[in-house]
């Protein structure tokens, strides 16, 4: 932060008396406004806008794209093939702590609502080595399909997935009805998906 410096004023006798720091009207705020570089202010605003765009969910995609999903078991499915059923897409990584923490909740959700028509597909991030993903899934006994996204096309198809975990809830017609960045609120997910399940909402 800028500091006030003493100002020397030469007198007729050659001495250099010092004057006390003067403060302009408006106080520190006015001082900072006068001293702030417009370029610095612009850079700060741009940085904040970038951060917000990075963290907040993007609403550019309203309908789930019919992108192919290469699964660990060697099959490739398209989201179009899953139309007619409620679907959860979970972007995750085995090295992501919150992703691992929410895994038991997703497993319970799948086992509870799967018999009523819910589909759940987890999509590993492009930086995840396929062997590491395969080992994690086998050791943890993940019961739902897991897709690899080696070239980043799946994440890109959903307007770019920048933060994980990110979960998308998709209705049977392919509309994205909810998107959450961070650990999924399982109770909320149940409420949102309930109308799309066989036999309707639980009594």
N, C-alpha and C. Protein backbone atom coordinates (compact mmCIF):
# COMPACT_ATOMS: atom_id res chain seq x y z
N UNK A 1 0.85 -1.18 0.00
CA UNK A 1 0.00 0.00 0.00
C UNK A 1 0.89 1.23 0.00
N UNK A 2 0.57 2.28 -0.82
CA UNK A 2 1.42 3.46 -0.84
C UNK A 2 1.50 4.10 0.53
N UNK A 3 2.66 4.64 0.85
CA UNK A 3 2.83 5.33 2.13
C UNK A 3 3.07 6.80 1.86
N UNK A 4 2.77 7.64 2.89
CA UNK A 4 2.99 9.08 2.75
C UNK A 4 4.46 9.38 3.03
N UNK A 5 5.10 10.18 2.20
CA UNK A 5 6.49 10.54 2.41
C UNK A 5 6.58 12.00 2.82
N UNK A 6 7.61 12.32 3.61
CA UNK A 6 7.82 13.70 3.99
C UNK A 6 8.34 14.49 2.79
N UNK A 7 7.89 15.73 2.63
CA UNK A 7 8.25 16.57 1.49
C UNK A 7 9.17 17.67 1.96
N UNK A 8 10.37 17.79 1.36
CA UNK A 8 11.33 18.82 1.73
C UNK A 8 11.08 20.08 0.93
N UNK A 9 11.09 21.23 1.61
CA UNK A 9 10.89 22.52 0.96
C UNK A 9 12.08 23.40 1.27
N UNK A 10 12.79 23.85 0.26
CA UNK A 10 13.97 24.68 0.46
C UNK A 10 13.55 26.07 0.87
N UNK A 11 14.23 26.60 1.91
CA UNK A 11 13.94 27.95 2.39
C UNK A 11 14.99 28.90 1.85
N UNK A 12 14.76 30.20 2.04
CA UNK A 12 15.70 31.21 1.56
C UNK A 12 17.04 31.09 2.22
N UNK A 13 17.14 30.61 3.44
CA UNK A 13 18.39 30.48 4.18
C UNK A 13 19.15 29.24 3.80
N UNK A 14 18.56 28.39 2.93
CA UNK A 14 19.24 27.17 2.51
C UNK A 14 18.92 25.97 3.34
N UNK A 15 18.20 26.16 4.42
CA UNK A 15 17.83 25.02 5.24
C UNK A 15 16.70 24.26 4.57
N UNK A 16 16.48 23.05 5.02
CA UNK A 16 15.43 22.22 4.41
C UNK A 16 14.47 21.74 5.46
N UNK A 17 13.62 22.60 5.93
CA UNK A 17 12.62 22.16 6.92
C UNK A 17 11.66 21.18 6.28
N UNK A 18 11.12 20.29 7.08
CA UNK A 18 10.15 19.29 6.57
C UNK A 18 8.76 19.64 7.04
N UNK A 19 7.84 19.34 6.20
CA UNK A 19 6.44 19.59 6.55
C UNK A 19 5.77 18.28 6.90
N UNK A 20 4.68 18.34 7.64
CA UNK A 20 3.94 17.14 8.01
C UNK A 20 3.19 16.62 6.80
N UNK A 21 2.99 15.29 6.73
CA UNK A 21 2.23 14.72 5.61
C UNK A 21 0.85 15.35 5.55
N UNK A 22 0.44 15.66 4.35
CA UNK A 22 -0.90 16.22 4.16
C UNK A 22 -1.82 15.15 3.63
N UNK A 23 -3.04 15.19 4.00
CA UNK A 23 -4.03 14.20 3.55
C UNK A 23 -5.08 14.91 2.72
N UNK A 24 -5.31 14.42 1.54
CA UNK A 24 -6.29 15.03 0.65
C UNK A 24 -7.70 14.72 1.14
N UNK A 25 -8.65 15.58 0.79
CA UNK A 25 -10.04 15.32 1.18
C UNK A 25 -10.49 13.98 0.62
N UNK A 26 -11.26 13.28 1.41
CA UNK A 26 -11.74 11.98 0.96
C UNK A 26 -11.03 10.83 1.64
N UNK A 27 -9.91 11.10 2.29
CA UNK A 27 -9.22 10.07 3.04
C UNK A 27 -8.55 9.03 2.19
N UNK A 28 -8.35 7.85 2.79
CA UNK A 28 -7.58 6.78 2.14
C UNK A 28 -8.24 6.29 0.87
N UNK A 29 -9.56 6.25 0.85
CA UNK A 29 -10.24 5.72 -0.34
C UNK A 29 -9.97 6.60 -1.56
N UNK A 30 -10.07 7.94 -1.34
CA UNK A 30 -9.80 8.84 -2.46
C UNK A 30 -8.35 8.72 -2.90
N UNK A 31 -7.45 8.54 -1.92
CA UNK A 31 -6.03 8.40 -2.24
C UNK A 31 -5.79 7.16 -3.11
N UNK A 32 -6.44 6.04 -2.73
CA UNK A 32 -6.27 4.82 -3.49
C UNK A 32 -6.87 4.93 -4.88
N UNK A 33 -8.02 5.63 -4.97
CA UNK A 33 -8.63 5.79 -6.28
C UNK A 33 -7.74 6.57 -7.22
N UNK A 34 -7.08 7.60 -6.69
CA UNK A 34 -6.21 8.42 -7.52
C UNK A 34 -4.97 7.67 -7.93
N UNK A 35 -4.48 6.80 -7.04
CA UNK A 35 -3.22 6.12 -7.31
C UNK A 35 -3.40 4.80 -8.09
N UNK A 36 -4.64 4.24 -8.07
CA UNK A 36 -4.86 2.93 -8.71
C UNK A 36 -4.68 3.04 -10.21
N UNK A 37 -3.99 2.12 -10.76
CA UNK A 37 -3.77 2.08 -12.20
C UNK A 37 -5.00 1.50 -12.88
N UNK A 38 -5.53 2.14 -13.91
CA UNK A 38 -6.68 1.58 -14.63
C UNK A 38 -6.39 0.18 -15.15
N UNK A 39 -5.15 -0.05 -15.57
CA UNK A 39 -4.80 -1.37 -16.07
C UNK A 39 -4.88 -2.42 -14.97
N UNK A 40 -4.45 -2.05 -13.76
CA UNK A 40 -4.51 -2.99 -12.64
C UNK A 40 -5.96 -3.31 -12.28
N UNK A 41 -6.82 -2.29 -12.32
CA UNK A 41 -8.24 -2.50 -12.00
C UNK A 41 -8.86 -3.43 -13.04
N UNK A 42 -8.54 -3.20 -14.30
CA UNK A 42 -9.06 -4.05 -15.38
C UNK A 42 -8.61 -5.49 -15.20
N UNK A 43 -7.32 -5.67 -14.85
CA UNK A 43 -6.78 -7.01 -14.66
C UNK A 43 -7.48 -7.72 -13.51
N UNK A 44 -7.78 -6.98 -12.43
CA UNK A 44 -8.46 -7.58 -11.28
C UNK A 44 -9.87 -8.01 -11.66
N UNK A 45 -10.59 -7.15 -12.38
CA UNK A 45 -11.96 -7.49 -12.80
C UNK A 45 -11.95 -8.71 -13.72
N UNK A 46 -10.99 -8.75 -14.64
CA UNK A 46 -10.91 -9.88 -15.56
C UNK A 46 -10.61 -11.18 -14.82
N UNK A 47 -9.73 -11.10 -13.81
CA UNK A 47 -9.38 -12.29 -13.02
C UNK A 47 -10.59 -12.80 -12.25
N UNK A 48 -11.37 -11.88 -11.67
CA UNK A 48 -12.57 -12.28 -10.92
C UNK A 48 -13.60 -12.91 -11.84
N UNK A 49 -13.77 -12.32 -13.04
CA UNK A 49 -14.73 -12.88 -13.99
C UNK A 49 -14.33 -14.27 -14.42
N UNK A 50 -13.03 -14.47 -14.64
CA UNK A 50 -12.54 -15.80 -15.02
C UNK A 50 -12.77 -16.82 -13.92
N UNK A 51 -12.53 -16.41 -12.67
CA UNK A 51 -12.73 -17.31 -11.54
C UNK A 51 -14.18 -17.71 -11.40
N UNK A 52 -15.08 -16.73 -11.55
CA UNK A 52 -16.51 -17.02 -11.44
C UNK A 52 -16.95 -17.97 -12.54
N UNK A 53 -16.49 -17.70 -13.76
CA UNK A 53 -16.86 -18.57 -14.89
C UNK A 53 -16.33 -19.97 -14.71
N UNK A 54 -15.17 -20.10 -14.04
CA UNK A 54 -14.56 -21.41 -13.81
C UNK A 54 -15.34 -22.22 -12.79
N UNK A 55 -15.83 -21.53 -11.74
CA UNK A 55 -16.44 -22.24 -10.62
C UNK A 55 -17.94 -22.46 -10.79
N UNK A 56 -18.63 -21.50 -11.38
CA UNK A 56 -20.07 -21.64 -11.48
C UNK A 56 -20.45 -22.61 -12.60
N UNK A 57 -21.53 -23.35 -12.39
CA UNK A 57 -21.95 -24.28 -13.44
C UNK A 57 -22.38 -23.54 -14.69
N UNK A 58 -22.06 -24.12 -15.83
CA UNK A 58 -22.46 -23.53 -17.11
C UNK A 58 -23.85 -24.01 -17.47
N UNK A 59 -24.68 -23.09 -17.95
CA UNK A 59 -26.04 -23.45 -18.34
C UNK A 59 -26.19 -23.41 -19.86
N UNK A 60 -25.06 -23.47 -20.57
CA UNK A 60 -25.10 -23.39 -22.02
C UNK A 60 -25.75 -24.65 -22.61
N UNK A 61 -25.58 -25.78 -21.96
CA UNK A 61 -26.14 -27.03 -22.46
C UNK A 61 -27.44 -27.32 -21.72
N UNK A 62 -28.55 -27.34 -22.46
CA UNK A 62 -29.85 -27.62 -21.87
C UNK A 62 -30.30 -29.05 -22.16
N UNK A 63 -29.86 -29.59 -23.26
CA UNK A 63 -30.18 -30.97 -23.64
C UNK A 63 -28.88 -31.76 -23.68
N UNK A 64 -28.91 -32.94 -23.10
CA UNK A 64 -27.70 -33.76 -23.06
C UNK A 64 -27.29 -34.15 -24.48
N UNK A 65 -26.03 -33.96 -24.83
CA UNK A 65 -25.57 -34.34 -26.17
C UNK A 65 -25.52 -35.86 -26.31
N UNK A 66 -25.71 -36.33 -27.53
CA UNK A 66 -25.68 -37.77 -27.77
C UNK A 66 -24.25 -38.21 -28.05
N UNK A 67 -23.39 -37.92 -27.10
CA UNK A 67 -21.97 -38.23 -27.27
C UNK A 67 -21.68 -39.69 -26.91
N UNK A 68 -20.77 -40.34 -27.60
CA UNK A 68 -20.44 -41.73 -27.26
C UNK A 68 -19.65 -41.81 -25.95
N UNK A 69 -19.91 -42.86 -25.19
CA UNK A 69 -19.23 -43.08 -23.92
C UNK A 69 -18.47 -44.41 -23.99
N UNK A 70 -17.14 -44.37 -24.10
CA UNK A 70 -16.37 -45.62 -24.11
C UNK A 70 -16.24 -46.18 -22.69
N UNK A 71 -16.82 -47.33 -22.44
CA UNK A 71 -16.85 -47.90 -21.10
C UNK A 71 -15.61 -48.75 -20.83
N UNK A 72 -15.36 -48.95 -19.54
CA UNK A 72 -14.21 -49.76 -19.13
C UNK A 72 -14.30 -51.19 -19.65
N UNK A 73 -15.50 -51.70 -19.79
CA UNK A 73 -15.66 -53.10 -20.21
C UNK A 73 -15.50 -53.29 -21.71
N UNK A 74 -15.15 -52.20 -22.42
CA UNK A 74 -14.93 -52.31 -23.86
C UNK A 74 -16.10 -51.88 -24.72
N UNK A 75 -17.29 -51.78 -24.13
CA UNK A 75 -18.45 -51.34 -24.88
C UNK A 75 -18.42 -49.82 -25.07
N UNK A 76 -19.15 -49.35 -26.06
CA UNK A 76 -19.37 -47.92 -26.24
C UNK A 76 -20.86 -47.69 -26.35
N UNK A 77 -21.36 -46.82 -25.50
CA UNK A 77 -22.79 -46.50 -25.54
C UNK A 77 -22.94 -45.02 -25.83
N UNK A 78 -24.08 -44.65 -26.36
CA UNK A 78 -24.40 -43.25 -26.61
C UNK A 78 -25.48 -42.83 -25.63
N UNK A 79 -25.43 -41.57 -25.24
CA UNK A 79 -26.47 -41.08 -24.35
C UNK A 79 -27.84 -41.19 -25.01
N UNK A 80 -27.85 -41.17 -26.35
CA UNK A 80 -29.12 -41.34 -27.05
C UNK A 80 -29.74 -42.69 -26.79
N UNK A 81 -28.91 -43.69 -26.56
CA UNK A 81 -29.42 -45.04 -26.28
C UNK A 81 -30.10 -45.12 -24.92
N UNK A 82 -29.79 -44.15 -24.06
CA UNK A 82 -30.34 -44.17 -22.70
C UNK A 82 -31.59 -43.30 -22.58
N UNK A 83 -32.02 -42.71 -23.70
CA UNK A 83 -33.25 -41.91 -23.66
C UNK A 83 -34.42 -42.78 -23.25
N UNK A 84 -35.32 -42.17 -22.53
CA UNK A 84 -36.47 -42.91 -22.02
C UNK A 84 -36.30 -43.32 -20.57
N UNK A 85 -35.09 -43.14 -20.04
CA UNK A 85 -34.82 -43.46 -18.64
C UNK A 85 -34.14 -42.28 -17.96
N UNK A 86 -34.41 -42.06 -16.68
CA UNK A 86 -33.69 -41.01 -15.96
C UNK A 86 -32.22 -41.40 -15.83
N UNK A 87 -31.36 -40.41 -15.93
CA UNK A 87 -29.93 -40.69 -16.00
C UNK A 87 -29.14 -39.75 -15.11
N UNK A 88 -28.14 -40.29 -14.44
CA UNK A 88 -27.17 -39.50 -13.68
C UNK A 88 -25.81 -39.66 -14.34
N UNK A 89 -25.18 -38.54 -14.69
CA UNK A 89 -23.82 -38.55 -15.21
C UNK A 89 -22.93 -37.91 -14.16
N UNK A 90 -21.95 -38.66 -13.69
CA UNK A 90 -21.06 -38.17 -12.63
C UNK A 90 -19.63 -38.07 -13.16
N UNK A 91 -19.12 -36.86 -13.29
CA UNK A 91 -17.73 -36.65 -13.68
C UNK A 91 -16.88 -36.71 -12.41
N UNK A 92 -15.82 -37.50 -12.44
CA UNK A 92 -15.06 -37.78 -11.22
C UNK A 92 -13.63 -38.17 -11.58
N UNK A 93 -12.85 -38.43 -10.54
CA UNK A 93 -11.48 -38.94 -10.69
C UNK A 93 -11.13 -39.75 -9.45
N UNK A 94 -10.41 -40.83 -9.60
CA UNK A 94 -10.00 -41.60 -8.42
C UNK A 94 -9.00 -40.86 -7.54
N UNK A 95 -8.42 -39.78 -8.05
CA UNK A 95 -7.48 -38.98 -7.25
C UNK A 95 -8.16 -37.78 -6.61
N UNK A 96 -9.46 -37.63 -6.83
CA UNK A 96 -10.22 -36.49 -6.29
C UNK A 96 -10.84 -36.92 -4.95
N UNK A 97 -10.43 -36.27 -3.87
CA UNK A 97 -10.90 -36.66 -2.53
C UNK A 97 -12.41 -36.55 -2.39
N UNK A 98 -13.06 -35.42 -2.76
CA UNK A 98 -14.52 -35.36 -2.64
C UNK A 98 -15.24 -36.41 -3.50
N UNK A 99 -14.64 -36.73 -4.65
CA UNK A 99 -15.24 -37.76 -5.52
C UNK A 99 -15.26 -39.11 -4.81
N UNK A 100 -14.15 -39.43 -4.17
CA UNK A 100 -14.05 -40.71 -3.46
C UNK A 100 -14.98 -40.71 -2.25
N UNK A 101 -15.10 -39.56 -1.59
CA UNK A 101 -15.96 -39.47 -0.41
C UNK A 101 -17.43 -39.67 -0.76
N UNK A 102 -17.86 -39.18 -1.93
CA UNK A 102 -19.27 -39.31 -2.28
C UNK A 102 -19.60 -40.64 -2.96
N UNK A 103 -18.59 -41.45 -3.24
CA UNK A 103 -18.80 -42.73 -3.92
C UNK A 103 -19.83 -43.61 -3.21
N UNK A 104 -19.74 -43.80 -1.90
CA UNK A 104 -20.74 -44.66 -1.23
C UNK A 104 -22.18 -44.16 -1.42
N UNK A 105 -22.35 -42.82 -1.44
CA UNK A 105 -23.69 -42.26 -1.64
C UNK A 105 -24.21 -42.57 -3.05
N UNK A 106 -23.34 -42.46 -4.04
CA UNK A 106 -23.75 -42.77 -5.41
C UNK A 106 -24.07 -44.25 -5.58
N UNK A 107 -23.29 -45.09 -4.92
CA UNK A 107 -23.55 -46.53 -4.99
C UNK A 107 -24.91 -46.85 -4.38
N UNK A 108 -25.21 -46.24 -3.23
CA UNK A 108 -26.51 -46.47 -2.59
C UNK A 108 -27.65 -45.95 -3.47
N UNK A 109 -27.45 -44.78 -4.08
CA UNK A 109 -28.48 -44.21 -4.95
C UNK A 109 -28.75 -45.15 -6.13
N UNK A 110 -27.69 -45.68 -6.70
CA UNK A 110 -27.83 -46.57 -7.85
C UNK A 110 -28.53 -47.87 -7.46
N UNK A 111 -28.13 -48.44 -6.33
CA UNK A 111 -28.74 -49.70 -5.90
C UNK A 111 -30.19 -49.52 -5.47
N UNK A 112 -30.50 -48.35 -4.94
CA UNK A 112 -31.86 -48.09 -4.49
C UNK A 112 -32.80 -47.79 -5.66
N UNK A 113 -32.33 -46.96 -6.60
CA UNK A 113 -33.22 -46.49 -7.67
C UNK A 113 -32.99 -47.19 -9.01
N UNK A 114 -31.89 -47.93 -9.11
CA UNK A 114 -31.64 -48.67 -10.35
C UNK A 114 -32.77 -49.62 -10.71
N UNK A 115 -33.30 -50.38 -9.74
CA UNK A 115 -34.42 -51.28 -10.06
C UNK A 115 -35.67 -50.54 -10.53
N UNK A 116 -35.72 -49.23 -10.31
CA UNK A 116 -36.88 -48.44 -10.73
C UNK A 116 -36.59 -47.65 -12.01
N UNK A 117 -35.48 -47.99 -12.66
CA UNK A 117 -35.22 -47.41 -13.97
C UNK A 117 -34.10 -46.41 -14.04
N UNK A 118 -33.50 -46.04 -12.90
CA UNK A 118 -32.43 -45.04 -12.93
C UNK A 118 -31.15 -45.61 -13.54
N UNK A 119 -30.54 -44.86 -14.45
CA UNK A 119 -29.24 -45.20 -15.00
C UNK A 119 -28.21 -44.23 -14.41
N UNK A 120 -27.02 -44.76 -14.15
CA UNK A 120 -25.94 -43.92 -13.63
C UNK A 120 -24.65 -44.30 -14.35
N UNK A 121 -23.98 -43.30 -14.90
CA UNK A 121 -22.71 -43.53 -15.57
C UNK A 121 -21.70 -42.55 -15.01
N UNK A 122 -20.56 -43.06 -14.55
CA UNK A 122 -19.48 -42.21 -14.07
C UNK A 122 -18.48 -42.01 -15.21
N UNK A 123 -18.00 -40.79 -15.36
CA UNK A 123 -17.06 -40.46 -16.43
C UNK A 123 -15.75 -39.99 -15.81
N UNK A 124 -14.68 -40.75 -16.03
CA UNK A 124 -13.37 -40.34 -15.51
C UNK A 124 -12.83 -39.18 -16.34
N UNK A 125 -11.95 -38.40 -15.75
CA UNK A 125 -11.41 -37.23 -16.42
C UNK A 125 -10.30 -37.62 -17.41
N UNK A 126 -10.01 -36.75 -18.38
CA UNK A 126 -9.02 -37.08 -19.40
C UNK A 126 -7.63 -37.37 -18.85
N UNK A 127 -7.30 -36.78 -17.71
CA UNK A 127 -5.95 -36.97 -17.14
C UNK A 127 -5.83 -38.26 -16.33
N UNK A 128 -6.92 -39.00 -16.20
CA UNK A 128 -6.87 -40.24 -15.42
C UNK A 128 -6.36 -41.40 -16.29
N UNK A 129 -5.26 -42.05 -15.92
CA UNK A 129 -4.81 -43.21 -16.68
C UNK A 129 -5.86 -44.32 -16.63
N UNK A 130 -6.23 -44.88 -17.77
CA UNK A 130 -7.26 -45.93 -17.78
C UNK A 130 -6.98 -47.07 -16.83
N UNK A 131 -5.72 -47.48 -16.70
CA UNK A 131 -5.40 -48.58 -15.80
C UNK A 131 -5.68 -48.21 -14.36
N UNK A 132 -5.39 -46.95 -13.98
CA UNK A 132 -5.66 -46.50 -12.61
C UNK A 132 -7.17 -46.49 -12.34
N UNK A 133 -7.94 -46.06 -13.33
CA UNK A 133 -9.39 -46.05 -13.17
C UNK A 133 -9.92 -47.48 -13.04
N UNK A 134 -9.43 -48.37 -13.89
CA UNK A 134 -9.86 -49.76 -13.86
C UNK A 134 -9.55 -50.42 -12.52
N UNK A 135 -8.35 -50.15 -12.00
CA UNK A 135 -7.94 -50.73 -10.72
C UNK A 135 -8.83 -50.22 -9.59
N UNK A 136 -9.08 -48.91 -9.58
CA UNK A 136 -9.92 -48.31 -8.54
C UNK A 136 -11.33 -48.90 -8.57
N UNK A 137 -11.90 -48.98 -9.76
CA UNK A 137 -13.28 -49.48 -9.90
C UNK A 137 -13.36 -50.93 -9.45
N UNK A 138 -12.36 -51.73 -9.78
CA UNK A 138 -12.37 -53.14 -9.39
C UNK A 138 -12.21 -53.27 -7.87
N UNK A 139 -11.29 -52.53 -7.30
CA UNK A 139 -11.04 -52.65 -5.86
C UNK A 139 -12.20 -52.14 -5.02
N UNK A 140 -12.88 -51.11 -5.51
CA UNK A 140 -14.00 -50.53 -4.75
C UNK A 140 -15.34 -51.20 -5.08
N UNK A 141 -15.34 -52.06 -6.08
CA UNK A 141 -16.59 -52.74 -6.43
C UNK A 141 -17.67 -51.80 -6.93
N UNK A 142 -17.30 -50.82 -7.76
CA UNK A 142 -18.28 -49.87 -8.29
C UNK A 142 -19.27 -50.63 -9.18
N UNK A 143 -20.57 -50.57 -8.86
CA UNK A 143 -21.54 -51.42 -9.57
C UNK A 143 -22.09 -50.83 -10.86
N UNK A 144 -21.92 -49.54 -11.08
CA UNK A 144 -22.49 -48.90 -12.27
C UNK A 144 -21.41 -48.71 -13.35
N UNK A 145 -21.81 -48.47 -14.59
CA UNK A 145 -20.83 -48.32 -15.68
C UNK A 145 -19.92 -47.11 -15.46
N UNK A 146 -18.67 -47.28 -15.85
CA UNK A 146 -17.68 -46.21 -15.77
C UNK A 146 -17.10 -45.99 -17.16
N UNK A 147 -17.12 -44.74 -17.60
CA UNK A 147 -16.62 -44.40 -18.93
C UNK A 147 -15.28 -43.68 -18.83
N UNK A 148 -14.46 -43.84 -19.86
CA UNK A 148 -13.19 -43.12 -19.97
C UNK A 148 -13.38 -41.95 -20.93
N UNK A 149 -12.67 -40.88 -20.66
CA UNK A 149 -12.76 -39.69 -21.52
C UNK A 149 -11.34 -39.24 -21.87
N UNK A 150 -10.61 -40.12 -22.51
CA UNK A 150 -9.18 -39.91 -22.75
C UNK A 150 -8.93 -38.65 -23.57
N UNK A 151 -9.78 -38.38 -24.55
CA UNK A 151 -9.55 -37.22 -25.41
C UNK A 151 -10.34 -35.99 -24.98
N UNK A 152 -11.08 -36.10 -23.87
CA UNK A 152 -11.81 -34.95 -23.35
C UNK A 152 -13.08 -34.59 -24.10
N UNK A 153 -13.52 -35.45 -25.00
CA UNK A 153 -14.69 -35.11 -25.80
C UNK A 153 -15.99 -35.12 -24.99
N UNK A 154 -16.07 -36.02 -24.03
CA UNK A 154 -17.30 -36.09 -23.24
C UNK A 154 -17.45 -34.84 -22.38
N UNK A 155 -16.37 -34.47 -21.67
CA UNK A 155 -16.42 -33.25 -20.86
C UNK A 155 -16.69 -32.04 -21.73
N UNK A 156 -16.08 -32.00 -22.92
CA UNK A 156 -16.29 -30.88 -23.82
C UNK A 156 -17.70 -30.79 -24.34
N UNK A 157 -18.34 -31.94 -24.53
CA UNK A 157 -19.71 -31.96 -25.04
C UNK A 157 -20.69 -31.34 -24.05
N UNK A 158 -20.33 -31.36 -22.78
CA UNK A 158 -21.18 -30.77 -21.74
C UNK A 158 -20.71 -29.36 -21.39
N UNK A 159 -20.30 -28.62 -22.40
CA UNK A 159 -19.87 -27.22 -22.25
C UNK A 159 -18.64 -27.08 -21.38
N UNK A 160 -17.90 -28.16 -21.25
CA UNK A 160 -16.64 -28.09 -20.50
C UNK A 160 -16.85 -28.36 -19.02
N UNK A 161 -16.29 -29.45 -18.54
CA UNK A 161 -16.34 -29.76 -17.11
C UNK A 161 -14.99 -29.36 -16.54
N UNK A 162 -14.97 -28.34 -15.69
CA UNK A 162 -13.71 -27.80 -15.19
C UNK A 162 -13.42 -28.21 -13.75
N UNK A 163 -14.47 -28.48 -12.99
CA UNK A 163 -14.32 -28.80 -11.57
C UNK A 163 -15.03 -30.12 -11.30
N UNK A 164 -14.40 -30.97 -10.51
CA UNK A 164 -15.03 -32.23 -10.12
C UNK A 164 -15.05 -32.35 -8.60
N UNK A 165 -16.02 -33.10 -8.08
CA UNK A 165 -17.07 -33.80 -8.82
C UNK A 165 -18.11 -32.84 -9.41
N UNK A 166 -18.59 -33.17 -10.60
CA UNK A 166 -19.72 -32.48 -11.20
C UNK A 166 -20.72 -33.55 -11.63
N UNK A 167 -21.96 -33.36 -11.22
CA UNK A 167 -23.00 -34.36 -11.49
C UNK A 167 -24.15 -33.72 -12.25
N UNK A 168 -24.64 -34.42 -13.25
CA UNK A 168 -25.76 -33.95 -14.06
C UNK A 168 -26.93 -34.92 -13.92
N UNK A 169 -28.10 -34.39 -13.68
CA UNK A 169 -29.32 -35.19 -13.63
C UNK A 169 -30.10 -34.92 -14.91
N UNK A 170 -30.42 -35.99 -15.63
CA UNK A 170 -31.03 -35.87 -16.95
C UNK A 170 -32.35 -36.63 -16.96
N UNK A 171 -33.39 -35.96 -17.45
CA UNK A 171 -34.70 -36.61 -17.45
C UNK A 171 -34.82 -37.57 -18.65
N UNK A 172 -35.89 -38.36 -18.71
CA UNK A 172 -36.01 -39.36 -19.79
C UNK A 172 -36.03 -38.77 -21.20
N UNK A 173 -36.35 -37.49 -21.33
CA UNK A 173 -36.37 -36.85 -22.64
C UNK A 173 -35.01 -36.26 -23.01
N UNK A 174 -34.04 -36.41 -22.13
CA UNK A 174 -32.70 -35.93 -22.43
C UNK A 174 -32.41 -34.51 -21.98
N UNK A 175 -33.30 -33.92 -21.19
CA UNK A 175 -33.08 -32.57 -20.69
C UNK A 175 -32.26 -32.60 -19.40
N UNK A 176 -31.30 -31.73 -19.31
CA UNK A 176 -30.52 -31.61 -18.07
C UNK A 176 -31.36 -30.81 -17.08
N UNK A 177 -31.85 -31.48 -16.04
CA UNK A 177 -32.75 -30.83 -15.10
C UNK A 177 -32.03 -30.30 -13.87
N UNK A 178 -30.80 -30.75 -13.67
CA UNK A 178 -30.04 -30.27 -12.50
C UNK A 178 -28.56 -30.54 -12.72
N UNK A 179 -27.74 -29.60 -12.28
CA UNK A 179 -26.30 -29.76 -12.37
C UNK A 179 -25.68 -29.26 -11.07
N UNK A 180 -24.84 -30.08 -10.49
CA UNK A 180 -24.21 -29.69 -9.22
C UNK A 180 -22.69 -29.88 -9.31
N UNK A 181 -21.98 -28.84 -8.93
CA UNK A 181 -20.52 -28.89 -8.84
C UNK A 181 -20.16 -29.05 -7.37
N UNK A 182 -19.39 -30.07 -7.08
CA UNK A 182 -19.12 -30.42 -5.69
C UNK A 182 -19.88 -31.69 -5.34
N UNK A 183 -19.79 -32.10 -4.09
CA UNK A 183 -20.45 -33.33 -3.68
C UNK A 183 -21.96 -33.21 -3.86
N UNK A 184 -22.54 -34.24 -4.44
CA UNK A 184 -23.97 -34.22 -4.76
C UNK A 184 -24.82 -34.31 -3.50
N UNK A 185 -25.85 -33.46 -3.46
CA UNK A 185 -26.86 -33.55 -2.41
C UNK A 185 -27.77 -34.72 -2.78
N UNK A 186 -27.54 -35.87 -2.17
CA UNK A 186 -28.25 -37.08 -2.56
C UNK A 186 -29.75 -36.96 -2.30
N UNK A 187 -30.14 -36.37 -1.19
CA UNK A 187 -31.56 -36.23 -0.89
C UNK A 187 -32.24 -35.37 -1.95
N UNK A 188 -31.58 -34.33 -2.36
CA UNK A 188 -32.15 -33.47 -3.41
C UNK A 188 -32.22 -34.21 -4.74
N UNK A 189 -31.18 -34.98 -5.02
CA UNK A 189 -31.18 -35.75 -6.27
C UNK A 189 -32.35 -36.73 -6.30
N UNK A 190 -32.62 -37.37 -5.17
CA UNK A 190 -33.75 -38.31 -5.10
C UNK A 190 -35.06 -37.59 -5.41
N UNK A 191 -35.24 -36.40 -4.82
CA UNK A 191 -36.48 -35.66 -5.02
C UNK A 191 -36.65 -35.26 -6.49
N UNK A 192 -35.55 -34.83 -7.12
CA UNK A 192 -35.63 -34.38 -8.50
C UNK A 192 -35.94 -35.54 -9.45
N UNK A 193 -35.33 -36.68 -9.19
CA UNK A 193 -35.47 -37.81 -10.11
C UNK A 193 -36.71 -38.65 -9.84
N UNK A 194 -37.30 -38.51 -8.67
CA UNK A 194 -38.44 -39.36 -8.28
C UNK A 194 -39.58 -39.37 -9.30
N UNK A 195 -39.99 -38.22 -9.85
CA UNK A 195 -41.13 -38.25 -10.80
C UNK A 195 -40.84 -39.04 -12.08
N UNK A 196 -39.57 -39.25 -12.39
CA UNK A 196 -39.22 -39.95 -13.63
C UNK A 196 -39.02 -41.45 -13.45
N UNK A 197 -39.12 -41.92 -12.21
CA UNK A 197 -38.87 -43.32 -11.92
C UNK A 197 -40.13 -44.16 -12.13
N UNK A 198 -39.95 -45.43 -12.35
CA UNK A 198 -41.09 -46.34 -12.45
C UNK A 198 -41.85 -46.35 -11.13
N UNK A 199 -43.18 -46.31 -11.21
CA UNK A 199 -44.07 -46.25 -10.04
C UNK A 199 -44.07 -44.88 -9.39
N UNK A 200 -43.43 -43.89 -10.03
CA UNK A 200 -43.48 -42.53 -9.53
C UNK A 200 -42.72 -42.33 -8.23
N UNK A 201 -42.97 -41.20 -7.53
CA UNK A 201 -42.26 -40.89 -6.28
C UNK A 201 -42.55 -41.94 -5.23
N UNK A 202 -41.57 -42.22 -4.35
CA UNK A 202 -41.82 -43.18 -3.26
C UNK A 202 -42.85 -42.64 -2.30
N UNK A 203 -43.66 -43.53 -1.78
CA UNK A 203 -44.71 -43.11 -0.82
C UNK A 203 -44.12 -43.04 0.58
